Amino acid sequence: MKCPYCGFDGDKVVDSRSVKDGRAVRRRRECSQCEKRYTTYEYIQDFDLIVIKVDGRREPYERQKLLQGITIACRKRPVSAKKIEAIVDEVENQLMNLSRGEIESKYIGGLVMEALRGIDEVAYVRFASVYKKFKDVNEFWNMLKELLGKEEPENLK
């Protein structure tokens, strides 16, 4: 495992614990070179899922990509890392229950938007702005009106 601080490819495991009801292992590691500590998670890969991207490309599902996208949307918002992990867990559970080998990225994005909408409206809007790839400000504004359930504020007319 490469150290996230110095890039050295050598570490030792300081602590291991079972987490997520035994579905994952949390490991505290210490870099053999810079001696900084970091945490990694090891998950059982329950399913091989292929994600069909908007442009038609197919690539393997990666939990880390989903986690990163949600984390970016929640940056500087009152959403804990634990809550973000819970969103990813819930999305993965829903994907596993579909029993499909391939799933469109649009479907995954919709699940994330649904989860974020109930947690933090700003994170929802951030994620939606990337996920929906608005063509212009009017499309963005229509999404905001739907979210807020009201007309355009006077100062924006």
N, C-alpha and C. Protein backbone atom coordinates (compact mmCIF):
# COMPACT_ATOMS: atom_id res chain seq x y z
N MET A 1 0.85 -1.17 0.00
CA MET A 1 0.00 0.00 0.00
C MET A 1 0.90 1.23 0.00
N LYS A 2 0.64 2.18 -0.90
CA LYS A 2 1.43 3.41 -0.96
C LYS A 2 0.96 4.41 0.08
N CYS A 3 1.90 5.02 0.76
CA CYS A 3 1.58 6.02 1.77
C CYS A 3 0.96 7.25 1.08
N PRO A 4 -0.17 7.74 1.59
CA PRO A 4 -0.80 8.92 0.98
C PRO A 4 -0.01 10.21 1.23
N TYR A 5 0.95 10.17 2.14
CA TYR A 5 1.73 11.37 2.47
C TYR A 5 3.03 11.46 1.68
N CYS A 6 3.78 10.35 1.65
CA CYS A 6 5.10 10.41 1.00
C CYS A 6 5.20 9.50 -0.24
N GLY A 7 4.22 8.61 -0.43
CA GLY A 7 4.22 7.74 -1.60
C GLY A 7 5.06 6.48 -1.46
N PHE A 8 5.68 6.29 -0.31
CA PHE A 8 6.50 5.10 -0.08
C PHE A 8 5.63 3.86 -0.10
N ASP A 9 6.16 2.79 -0.68
CA ASP A 9 5.38 1.56 -0.83
C ASP A 9 5.76 0.54 0.24
N GLY A 10 5.54 0.91 1.48
CA GLY A 10 5.84 0.00 2.58
C GLY A 10 5.21 0.53 3.86
N ASP A 11 4.50 -0.35 4.55
CA ASP A 11 3.87 0.08 5.79
C ASP A 11 3.70 -1.12 6.71
N LYS A 12 3.23 -0.86 7.90
CA LYS A 12 2.86 -1.94 8.80
C LYS A 12 1.47 -1.64 9.35
N VAL A 13 0.72 -2.69 9.57
CA VAL A 13 -0.62 -2.55 10.12
C VAL A 13 -0.49 -2.44 11.63
N VAL A 14 -1.04 -1.35 12.17
CA VAL A 14 -0.96 -1.08 13.60
C VAL A 14 -2.19 -1.61 14.32
N ASP A 15 -3.36 -1.57 13.63
CA ASP A 15 -4.60 -2.00 14.25
C ASP A 15 -5.57 -2.46 13.16
N SER A 16 -6.32 -3.52 13.41
CA SER A 16 -7.36 -4.00 12.49
C SER A 16 -8.64 -4.22 13.28
N ARG A 17 -9.75 -3.78 12.69
CA ARG A 17 -11.04 -3.98 13.34
C ARG A 17 -12.10 -4.30 12.30
N SER A 18 -13.03 -5.13 12.69
CA SER A 18 -14.18 -5.43 11.85
C SER A 18 -15.17 -4.27 11.98
N VAL A 19 -15.68 -3.80 10.85
CA VAL A 19 -16.66 -2.71 10.85
C VAL A 19 -17.80 -3.05 9.90
N LYS A 20 -18.82 -2.21 9.92
CA LYS A 20 -19.98 -2.37 9.02
C LYS A 20 -20.59 -3.75 9.16
N ASP A 21 -20.86 -4.13 10.41
CA ASP A 21 -21.48 -5.43 10.71
C ASP A 21 -20.71 -6.60 10.14
N GLY A 22 -19.38 -6.50 10.18
CA GLY A 22 -18.54 -7.59 9.71
C GLY A 22 -18.35 -7.63 8.20
N ARG A 23 -18.85 -6.62 7.48
CA ARG A 23 -18.71 -6.61 6.02
C ARG A 23 -17.46 -5.89 5.56
N ALA A 24 -16.68 -5.36 6.50
CA ALA A 24 -15.46 -4.64 6.13
C ALA A 24 -14.45 -4.72 7.27
N VAL A 25 -13.19 -4.44 6.93
CA VAL A 25 -12.12 -4.39 7.92
C VAL A 25 -11.46 -3.02 7.83
N ARG A 26 -11.36 -2.36 8.98
CA ARG A 26 -10.68 -1.07 9.07
C ARG A 26 -9.27 -1.33 9.57
N ARG A 27 -8.29 -0.80 8.84
CA ARG A 27 -6.91 -1.00 9.25
C ARG A 27 -6.21 0.34 9.43
N ARG A 28 -5.54 0.49 10.57
CA ARG A 28 -4.67 1.65 10.80
C ARG A 28 -3.28 1.21 10.38
N ARG A 29 -2.68 2.00 9.52
CA ARG A 29 -1.37 1.66 8.99
C ARG A 29 -0.38 2.76 9.34
N GLU A 30 0.89 2.38 9.41
CA GLU A 30 1.97 3.34 9.65
C GLU A 30 3.02 3.17 8.57
N CYS A 31 3.34 4.27 7.91
CA CYS A 31 4.33 4.25 6.84
C CYS A 31 5.70 3.91 7.43
N SER A 32 6.43 3.03 6.77
CA SER A 32 7.76 2.63 7.23
C SER A 32 8.80 3.71 7.00
N GLN A 33 8.49 4.67 6.13
CA GLN A 33 9.45 5.73 5.84
C GLN A 33 9.18 7.02 6.64
N CYS A 34 7.99 7.61 6.46
CA CYS A 34 7.72 8.90 7.13
C CYS A 34 7.04 8.72 8.49
N GLU A 35 6.63 7.50 8.81
CA GLU A 35 6.02 7.12 10.09
C GLU A 35 4.67 7.79 10.36
N LYS A 36 4.04 8.35 9.33
CA LYS A 36 2.69 8.90 9.50
C LYS A 36 1.69 7.75 9.41
N ARG A 37 0.54 7.95 10.08
CA ARG A 37 -0.49 6.92 10.10
C ARG A 37 -1.66 7.30 9.21
N TYR A 38 -2.29 6.28 8.65
CA TYR A 38 -3.48 6.49 7.83
C TYR A 38 -4.37 5.27 7.94
N THR A 39 -5.61 5.43 7.51
CA THR A 39 -6.60 4.37 7.63
C THR A 39 -7.00 3.85 6.26
N THR A 40 -7.14 2.54 6.15
CA THR A 40 -7.66 1.93 4.93
C THR A 40 -8.84 1.03 5.32
N TYR A 41 -9.69 0.78 4.35
CA TYR A 41 -10.83 -0.11 4.54
C TYR A 41 -10.76 -1.22 3.50
N GLU A 42 -11.08 -2.41 3.93
CA GLU A 42 -11.10 -3.57 3.04
C GLU A 42 -12.53 -4.09 3.03
N TYR A 43 -13.12 -4.18 1.84
CA TYR A 43 -14.50 -4.63 1.70
C TYR A 43 -14.57 -5.93 0.93
N ILE A 44 -15.55 -6.72 1.25
CA ILE A 44 -15.82 -7.92 0.48
C ILE A 44 -16.50 -7.47 -0.80
N GLN A 45 -16.01 -7.93 -1.90
CA GLN A 45 -16.63 -7.57 -3.17
C GLN A 45 -17.72 -8.60 -3.44
N ASP A 46 -18.95 -8.20 -3.11
CA ASP A 46 -20.08 -9.11 -3.21
C ASP A 46 -20.52 -9.35 -4.64
N PHE A 47 -20.25 -8.38 -5.50
CA PHE A 47 -20.80 -8.47 -6.83
C PHE A 47 -19.87 -7.79 -7.82
N ASP A 48 -19.88 -8.30 -9.03
CA ASP A 48 -19.14 -7.66 -10.10
C ASP A 48 -20.16 -6.86 -10.90
N LEU A 49 -20.07 -5.57 -10.78
CA LEU A 49 -21.02 -4.69 -11.43
C LEU A 49 -20.30 -3.86 -12.47
N ILE A 50 -20.87 -3.78 -13.64
CA ILE A 50 -20.33 -2.95 -14.71
C ILE A 50 -21.21 -1.71 -14.81
N VAL A 51 -20.58 -0.55 -14.83
CA VAL A 51 -21.30 0.72 -14.95
C VAL A 51 -21.25 1.16 -16.40
N ILE A 52 -22.43 1.44 -16.95
CA ILE A 52 -22.52 1.95 -18.32
C ILE A 52 -22.56 3.47 -18.24
N LYS A 53 -21.51 4.10 -18.73
CA LYS A 53 -21.38 5.55 -18.67
C LYS A 53 -22.30 6.20 -19.71
N VAL A 54 -22.49 7.50 -19.60
CA VAL A 54 -23.37 8.24 -20.50
C VAL A 54 -22.93 8.09 -21.96
N ASP A 55 -21.61 8.06 -22.19
CA ASP A 55 -21.10 7.94 -23.56
C ASP A 55 -21.06 6.50 -24.07
N GLY A 56 -21.59 5.56 -23.28
CA GLY A 56 -21.65 4.17 -23.70
C GLY A 56 -20.50 3.30 -23.24
N ARG A 57 -19.44 3.93 -22.70
CA ARG A 57 -18.31 3.12 -22.19
C ARG A 57 -18.78 2.28 -21.02
N ARG A 58 -18.13 1.16 -20.83
CA ARG A 58 -18.41 0.29 -19.69
C ARG A 58 -17.15 0.18 -18.85
N GLU A 59 -17.34 0.29 -17.54
CA GLU A 59 -16.20 0.12 -16.64
C GLU A 59 -16.67 -0.50 -15.34
N PRO A 60 -15.77 -1.18 -14.63
CA PRO A 60 -16.17 -1.82 -13.37
C PRO A 60 -16.59 -0.78 -12.34
N TYR A 61 -17.59 -1.15 -11.54
CA TYR A 61 -18.02 -0.29 -10.45
C TYR A 61 -16.89 -0.14 -9.45
N GLU A 62 -16.68 1.08 -8.96
CA GLU A 62 -15.66 1.33 -7.95
C GLU A 62 -16.28 2.13 -6.81
N ARG A 63 -16.30 1.53 -5.65
CA ARG A 63 -16.85 2.19 -4.46
C ARG A 63 -16.17 3.53 -4.22
N GLN A 64 -14.86 3.57 -4.41
CA GLN A 64 -14.08 4.77 -4.12
C GLN A 64 -14.53 5.96 -4.98
N LYS A 65 -14.89 5.71 -6.23
CA LYS A 65 -15.36 6.79 -7.10
C LYS A 65 -16.67 7.38 -6.58
N LEU A 66 -17.57 6.50 -6.16
CA LEU A 66 -18.84 6.96 -5.62
C LEU A 66 -18.62 7.75 -4.34
N LEU A 67 -17.78 7.24 -3.47
CA LEU A 67 -17.46 7.91 -2.21
C LEU A 67 -16.84 9.28 -2.47
N GLN A 68 -15.94 9.36 -3.43
CA GLN A 68 -15.27 10.62 -3.75
C GLN A 68 -16.26 11.65 -4.29
N GLY A 69 -17.17 11.23 -5.18
CA GLY A 69 -18.15 12.15 -5.74
C GLY A 69 -19.06 12.74 -4.68
N ILE A 70 -19.50 11.91 -3.76
CA ILE A 70 -20.38 12.38 -2.68
C ILE A 70 -19.60 13.28 -1.72
N THR A 71 -18.37 12.90 -1.43
CA THR A 71 -17.53 13.71 -0.53
C THR A 71 -17.31 15.11 -1.11
N ILE A 72 -17.06 15.21 -2.39
CA ILE A 72 -16.86 16.51 -3.03
C ILE A 72 -18.14 17.35 -2.92
N ALA A 73 -19.29 16.73 -3.17
CA ALA A 73 -20.55 17.46 -3.08
C ALA A 73 -20.82 17.96 -1.66
N CYS A 74 -20.33 17.22 -0.67
CA CYS A 74 -20.58 17.56 0.73
C CYS A 74 -19.47 18.40 1.36
N ARG A 75 -18.47 18.77 0.59
CA ARG A 75 -17.35 19.52 1.12
C ARG A 75 -17.84 20.83 1.76
N LYS A 76 -17.35 21.10 2.96
CA LYS A 76 -17.69 22.30 3.74
C LYS A 76 -19.17 22.39 4.07
N ARG A 77 -19.82 21.24 4.17
CA ARG A 77 -21.22 21.15 4.56
C ARG A 77 -21.28 20.33 5.84
N PRO A 78 -22.35 20.47 6.61
CA PRO A 78 -22.45 19.73 7.88
C PRO A 78 -22.89 18.27 7.68
N VAL A 79 -22.14 17.56 6.84
CA VAL A 79 -22.42 16.15 6.58
C VAL A 79 -21.17 15.36 6.99
N SER A 80 -21.33 14.50 7.96
CA SER A 80 -20.19 13.76 8.50
C SER A 80 -19.70 12.69 7.53
N ALA A 81 -18.45 12.31 7.72
CA ALA A 81 -17.88 11.22 6.92
C ALA A 81 -18.66 9.94 7.16
N LYS A 82 -19.15 9.75 8.37
CA LYS A 82 -19.94 8.57 8.70
C LYS A 82 -21.24 8.56 7.89
N LYS A 83 -21.86 9.72 7.73
CA LYS A 83 -23.11 9.81 6.96
C LYS A 83 -22.84 9.55 5.48
N ILE A 84 -21.72 10.06 4.98
CA ILE A 84 -21.35 9.84 3.58
C ILE A 84 -21.14 8.34 3.34
N GLU A 85 -20.45 7.68 4.25
CA GLU A 85 -20.25 6.22 4.15
C GLU A 85 -21.59 5.50 4.16
N ALA A 86 -22.53 5.98 4.98
CA ALA A 86 -23.85 5.36 5.06
C ALA A 86 -24.60 5.51 3.74
N ILE A 87 -24.44 6.65 3.08
CA ILE A 87 -25.07 6.86 1.77
C ILE A 87 -24.51 5.86 0.76
N VAL A 88 -23.19 5.72 0.74
CA VAL A 88 -22.55 4.78 -0.18
C VAL A 88 -23.01 3.36 0.11
N ASP A 89 -23.07 2.99 1.38
CA ASP A 89 -23.54 1.65 1.76
C ASP A 89 -24.97 1.41 1.27
N GLU A 90 -25.83 2.41 1.44
CA GLU A 90 -27.23 2.27 1.02
C GLU A 90 -27.34 2.14 -0.49
N VAL A 91 -26.59 2.95 -1.22
CA VAL A 91 -26.61 2.87 -2.68
C VAL A 91 -26.12 1.48 -3.12
N GLU A 92 -25.04 1.00 -2.52
CA GLU A 92 -24.53 -0.33 -2.87
C GLU A 92 -25.54 -1.42 -2.56
N ASN A 93 -26.22 -1.31 -1.43
CA ASN A 93 -27.24 -2.31 -1.09
C ASN A 93 -28.35 -2.32 -2.13
N GLN A 94 -28.77 -1.13 -2.57
CA GLN A 94 -29.81 -1.07 -3.60
C GLN A 94 -29.32 -1.67 -4.92
N LEU A 95 -28.06 -1.43 -5.25
CA LEU A 95 -27.50 -1.99 -6.49
C LEU A 95 -27.41 -3.51 -6.41
N MET A 96 -27.01 -4.04 -5.25
CA MET A 96 -26.91 -5.49 -5.09
C MET A 96 -28.28 -6.15 -5.19
N ASN A 97 -29.30 -5.47 -4.69
CA ASN A 97 -30.64 -6.03 -4.73
C ASN A 97 -31.23 -6.08 -6.13
N LEU A 98 -30.64 -5.35 -7.06
CA LEU A 98 -31.13 -5.36 -8.44
C LEU A 98 -30.77 -6.66 -9.16
N SER A 99 -29.73 -7.32 -8.71
CA SER A 99 -29.26 -8.58 -9.32
C SER A 99 -29.00 -8.43 -10.81
N ARG A 100 -28.39 -7.34 -11.19
CA ARG A 100 -28.02 -7.12 -12.59
C ARG A 100 -26.50 -7.04 -12.68
N GLY A 101 -25.96 -7.42 -13.80
CA GLY A 101 -24.52 -7.33 -14.01
C GLY A 101 -24.08 -5.98 -14.52
N GLU A 102 -25.03 -5.24 -15.12
CA GLU A 102 -24.72 -3.91 -15.65
C GLU A 102 -25.78 -2.92 -15.20
N ILE A 103 -25.33 -1.70 -14.94
CA ILE A 103 -26.25 -0.65 -14.51
C ILE A 103 -25.78 0.67 -15.09
N GLU A 104 -26.71 1.50 -15.50
CA GLU A 104 -26.35 2.80 -16.07
C GLU A 104 -25.92 3.75 -14.96
N SER A 105 -24.92 4.56 -15.26
CA SER A 105 -24.44 5.54 -14.28
C SER A 105 -25.55 6.51 -13.89
N LYS A 106 -26.49 6.76 -14.82
CA LYS A 106 -27.62 7.65 -14.53
C LYS A 106 -28.45 7.12 -13.36
N TYR A 107 -28.61 5.81 -13.31
CA TYR A 107 -29.39 5.21 -12.23
C TYR A 107 -28.68 5.40 -10.89
N ILE A 108 -27.38 5.17 -10.88
CA ILE A 108 -26.59 5.34 -9.65
C ILE A 108 -26.65 6.81 -9.21
N GLY A 109 -26.48 7.72 -10.15
CA GLY A 109 -26.56 9.15 -9.83
C GLY A 109 -27.90 9.53 -9.26
N GLY A 110 -28.97 8.95 -9.78
CA GLY A 110 -30.31 9.21 -9.25
C GLY A 110 -30.46 8.75 -7.81
N LEU A 111 -29.89 7.58 -7.49
CA LEU A 111 -29.93 7.09 -6.11
C LEU A 111 -29.20 8.04 -5.17
N VAL A 112 -28.05 8.53 -5.63
CA VAL A 112 -27.26 9.46 -4.80
C VAL A 112 -28.03 10.76 -4.61
N MET A 113 -28.60 11.28 -5.68
CA MET A 113 -29.35 12.54 -5.57
C MET A 113 -30.51 12.39 -4.60
N GLU A 114 -31.20 11.27 -4.68
CA GLU A 114 -32.32 11.02 -3.78
C GLU A 114 -31.85 11.03 -2.32
N ALA A 115 -30.72 10.42 -2.06
CA ALA A 115 -30.19 10.38 -0.69
C ALA A 115 -29.74 11.77 -0.23
N LEU A 116 -29.03 12.50 -1.10
CA LEU A 116 -28.53 13.82 -0.72
C LEU A 116 -29.65 14.84 -0.52
N ARG A 117 -30.71 14.70 -1.29
CA ARG A 117 -31.82 15.65 -1.21
C ARG A 117 -32.39 15.69 0.20
N GLY A 118 -32.45 14.54 0.85
CA GLY A 118 -32.99 14.48 2.21
C GLY A 118 -32.00 14.86 3.29
N ILE A 119 -30.73 15.03 2.93
CA ILE A 119 -29.70 15.30 3.93
C ILE A 119 -29.23 16.74 3.90
N ASP A 120 -28.89 17.24 2.71
CA ASP A 120 -28.34 18.60 2.60
C ASP A 120 -28.64 19.14 1.20
N GLU A 121 -29.42 20.21 1.14
CA GLU A 121 -29.85 20.75 -0.16
C GLU A 121 -28.68 21.30 -0.97
N VAL A 122 -27.69 21.88 -0.31
CA VAL A 122 -26.54 22.42 -1.05
C VAL A 122 -25.74 21.28 -1.66
N ALA A 123 -25.50 20.22 -0.91
CA ALA A 123 -24.79 19.06 -1.45
C ALA A 123 -25.59 18.45 -2.60
N TYR A 124 -26.92 18.43 -2.46
CA TYR A 124 -27.78 17.92 -3.52
C TYR A 124 -27.60 18.73 -4.80
N VAL A 125 -27.62 20.06 -4.68
CA VAL A 125 -27.48 20.94 -5.84
C VAL A 125 -26.10 20.78 -6.46
N ARG A 126 -25.07 20.69 -5.62
CA ARG A 126 -23.71 20.50 -6.15
C ARG A 126 -23.61 19.20 -6.96
N PHE A 127 -24.12 18.12 -6.38
CA PHE A 127 -24.05 16.83 -7.06
C PHE A 127 -24.87 16.88 -8.35
N ALA A 128 -26.06 17.46 -8.27
CA ALA A 128 -26.94 17.54 -9.44
C ALA A 128 -26.31 18.35 -10.56
N SER A 129 -25.59 19.41 -10.21
CA SER A 129 -25.00 20.26 -11.25
C SER A 129 -23.95 19.50 -12.07
N VAL A 130 -23.27 18.57 -11.45
CA VAL A 130 -22.28 17.75 -12.17
C VAL A 130 -22.99 16.57 -12.85
N TYR A 131 -23.87 15.92 -12.12
CA TYR A 131 -24.54 14.72 -12.60
C TYR A 131 -25.45 15.01 -13.80
N LYS A 132 -26.19 16.09 -13.74
CA LYS A 132 -27.15 16.39 -14.81
C LYS A 132 -26.55 17.17 -15.97
N LYS A 133 -25.35 17.70 -15.79
CA LYS A 133 -24.66 18.43 -16.86
C LYS A 133 -25.58 19.45 -17.54
N PHE A 134 -26.02 20.41 -16.77
CA PHE A 134 -26.93 21.44 -17.29
C PHE A 134 -26.34 22.15 -18.48
N LYS A 135 -27.18 22.39 -19.49
CA LYS A 135 -26.73 23.07 -20.70
C LYS A 135 -26.66 24.57 -20.51
N ASP A 136 -27.54 25.09 -19.65
CA ASP A 136 -27.55 26.54 -19.41
C ASP A 136 -28.13 26.83 -18.03
N VAL A 137 -28.13 28.10 -17.66
CA VAL A 137 -28.58 28.51 -16.34
C VAL A 137 -30.08 28.27 -16.16
N ASN A 138 -30.84 28.27 -17.24
CA ASN A 138 -32.28 28.03 -17.13
C ASN A 138 -32.58 26.61 -16.66
N GLU A 139 -31.86 25.64 -17.16
CA GLU A 139 -32.04 24.26 -16.70
C GLU A 139 -31.70 24.16 -15.21
N PHE A 140 -30.62 24.83 -14.83
CA PHE A 140 -30.20 24.83 -13.43
C PHE A 140 -31.27 25.49 -12.57
N TRP A 141 -31.78 26.62 -13.05
CA TRP A 141 -32.79 27.36 -12.28
C TRP A 141 -34.06 26.53 -12.13
N ASN A 142 -34.47 25.82 -13.17
CA ASN A 142 -35.67 24.98 -13.08
C ASN A 142 -35.50 23.90 -12.02
N MET A 143 -34.30 23.33 -11.92
CA MET A 143 -34.04 22.33 -10.89
C MET A 143 -34.13 22.97 -9.50
N LEU A 144 -33.60 24.18 -9.36
CA LEU A 144 -33.68 24.87 -8.07
C LEU A 144 -35.12 25.18 -7.69
N LYS A 145 -35.92 25.62 -8.66
CA LYS A 145 -37.33 25.91 -8.38
C LYS A 145 -38.05 24.65 -7.92
N GLU A 146 -37.76 23.55 -8.56
CA GLU A 146 -38.37 22.28 -8.16
C GLU A 146 -37.97 21.92 -6.73
N LEU A 147 -36.71 22.12 -6.41
CA LEU A 147 -36.21 21.81 -5.07
C LEU A 147 -36.86 22.71 -4.02
N LEU A 148 -36.92 24.01 -4.33
CA LEU A 148 -37.44 24.97 -3.37
C LEU A 148 -38.96 25.05 -3.37
N GLY A 149 -39.57 24.65 -4.46
CA GLY A 149 -41.02 24.70 -4.54
C GLY A 149 -41.57 26.09 -4.58
N LYS A 150 -40.82 27.01 -5.15
CA LYS A 150 -41.29 28.40 -5.21
C LYS A 150 -40.79 29.07 -6.48
N GLU A 151 -41.30 30.26 -6.68
CA GLU A 151 -40.94 31.05 -7.84
C GLU A 151 -39.62 31.76 -7.63
N GLU A 152 -39.12 32.36 -8.67
CA GLU A 152 -37.85 33.08 -8.66
C GLU A 152 -37.90 34.24 -7.65
N PRO A 153 -36.89 34.36 -6.79
CA PRO A 153 -36.85 35.48 -5.84
C PRO A 153 -36.78 36.81 -6.59
N GLU A 154 -37.33 37.84 -5.98
CA GLU A 154 -37.38 39.17 -6.59
C GLU A 154 -36.01 39.67 -7.03
N ASN A 155 -34.98 39.43 -6.23
CA ASN A 155 -33.65 39.97 -6.55
C ASN A 155 -33.00 39.27 -7.75
N LEU A 156 -33.59 38.18 -8.25
CA LEU A 156 -33.04 37.49 -9.40
C LEU A 156 -33.83 37.75 -10.69
N LYS A 157 -34.95 38.47 -10.57
CA LYS A 157 -35.77 38.75 -11.76
C LYS A 157 -35.15 39.83 -12.61
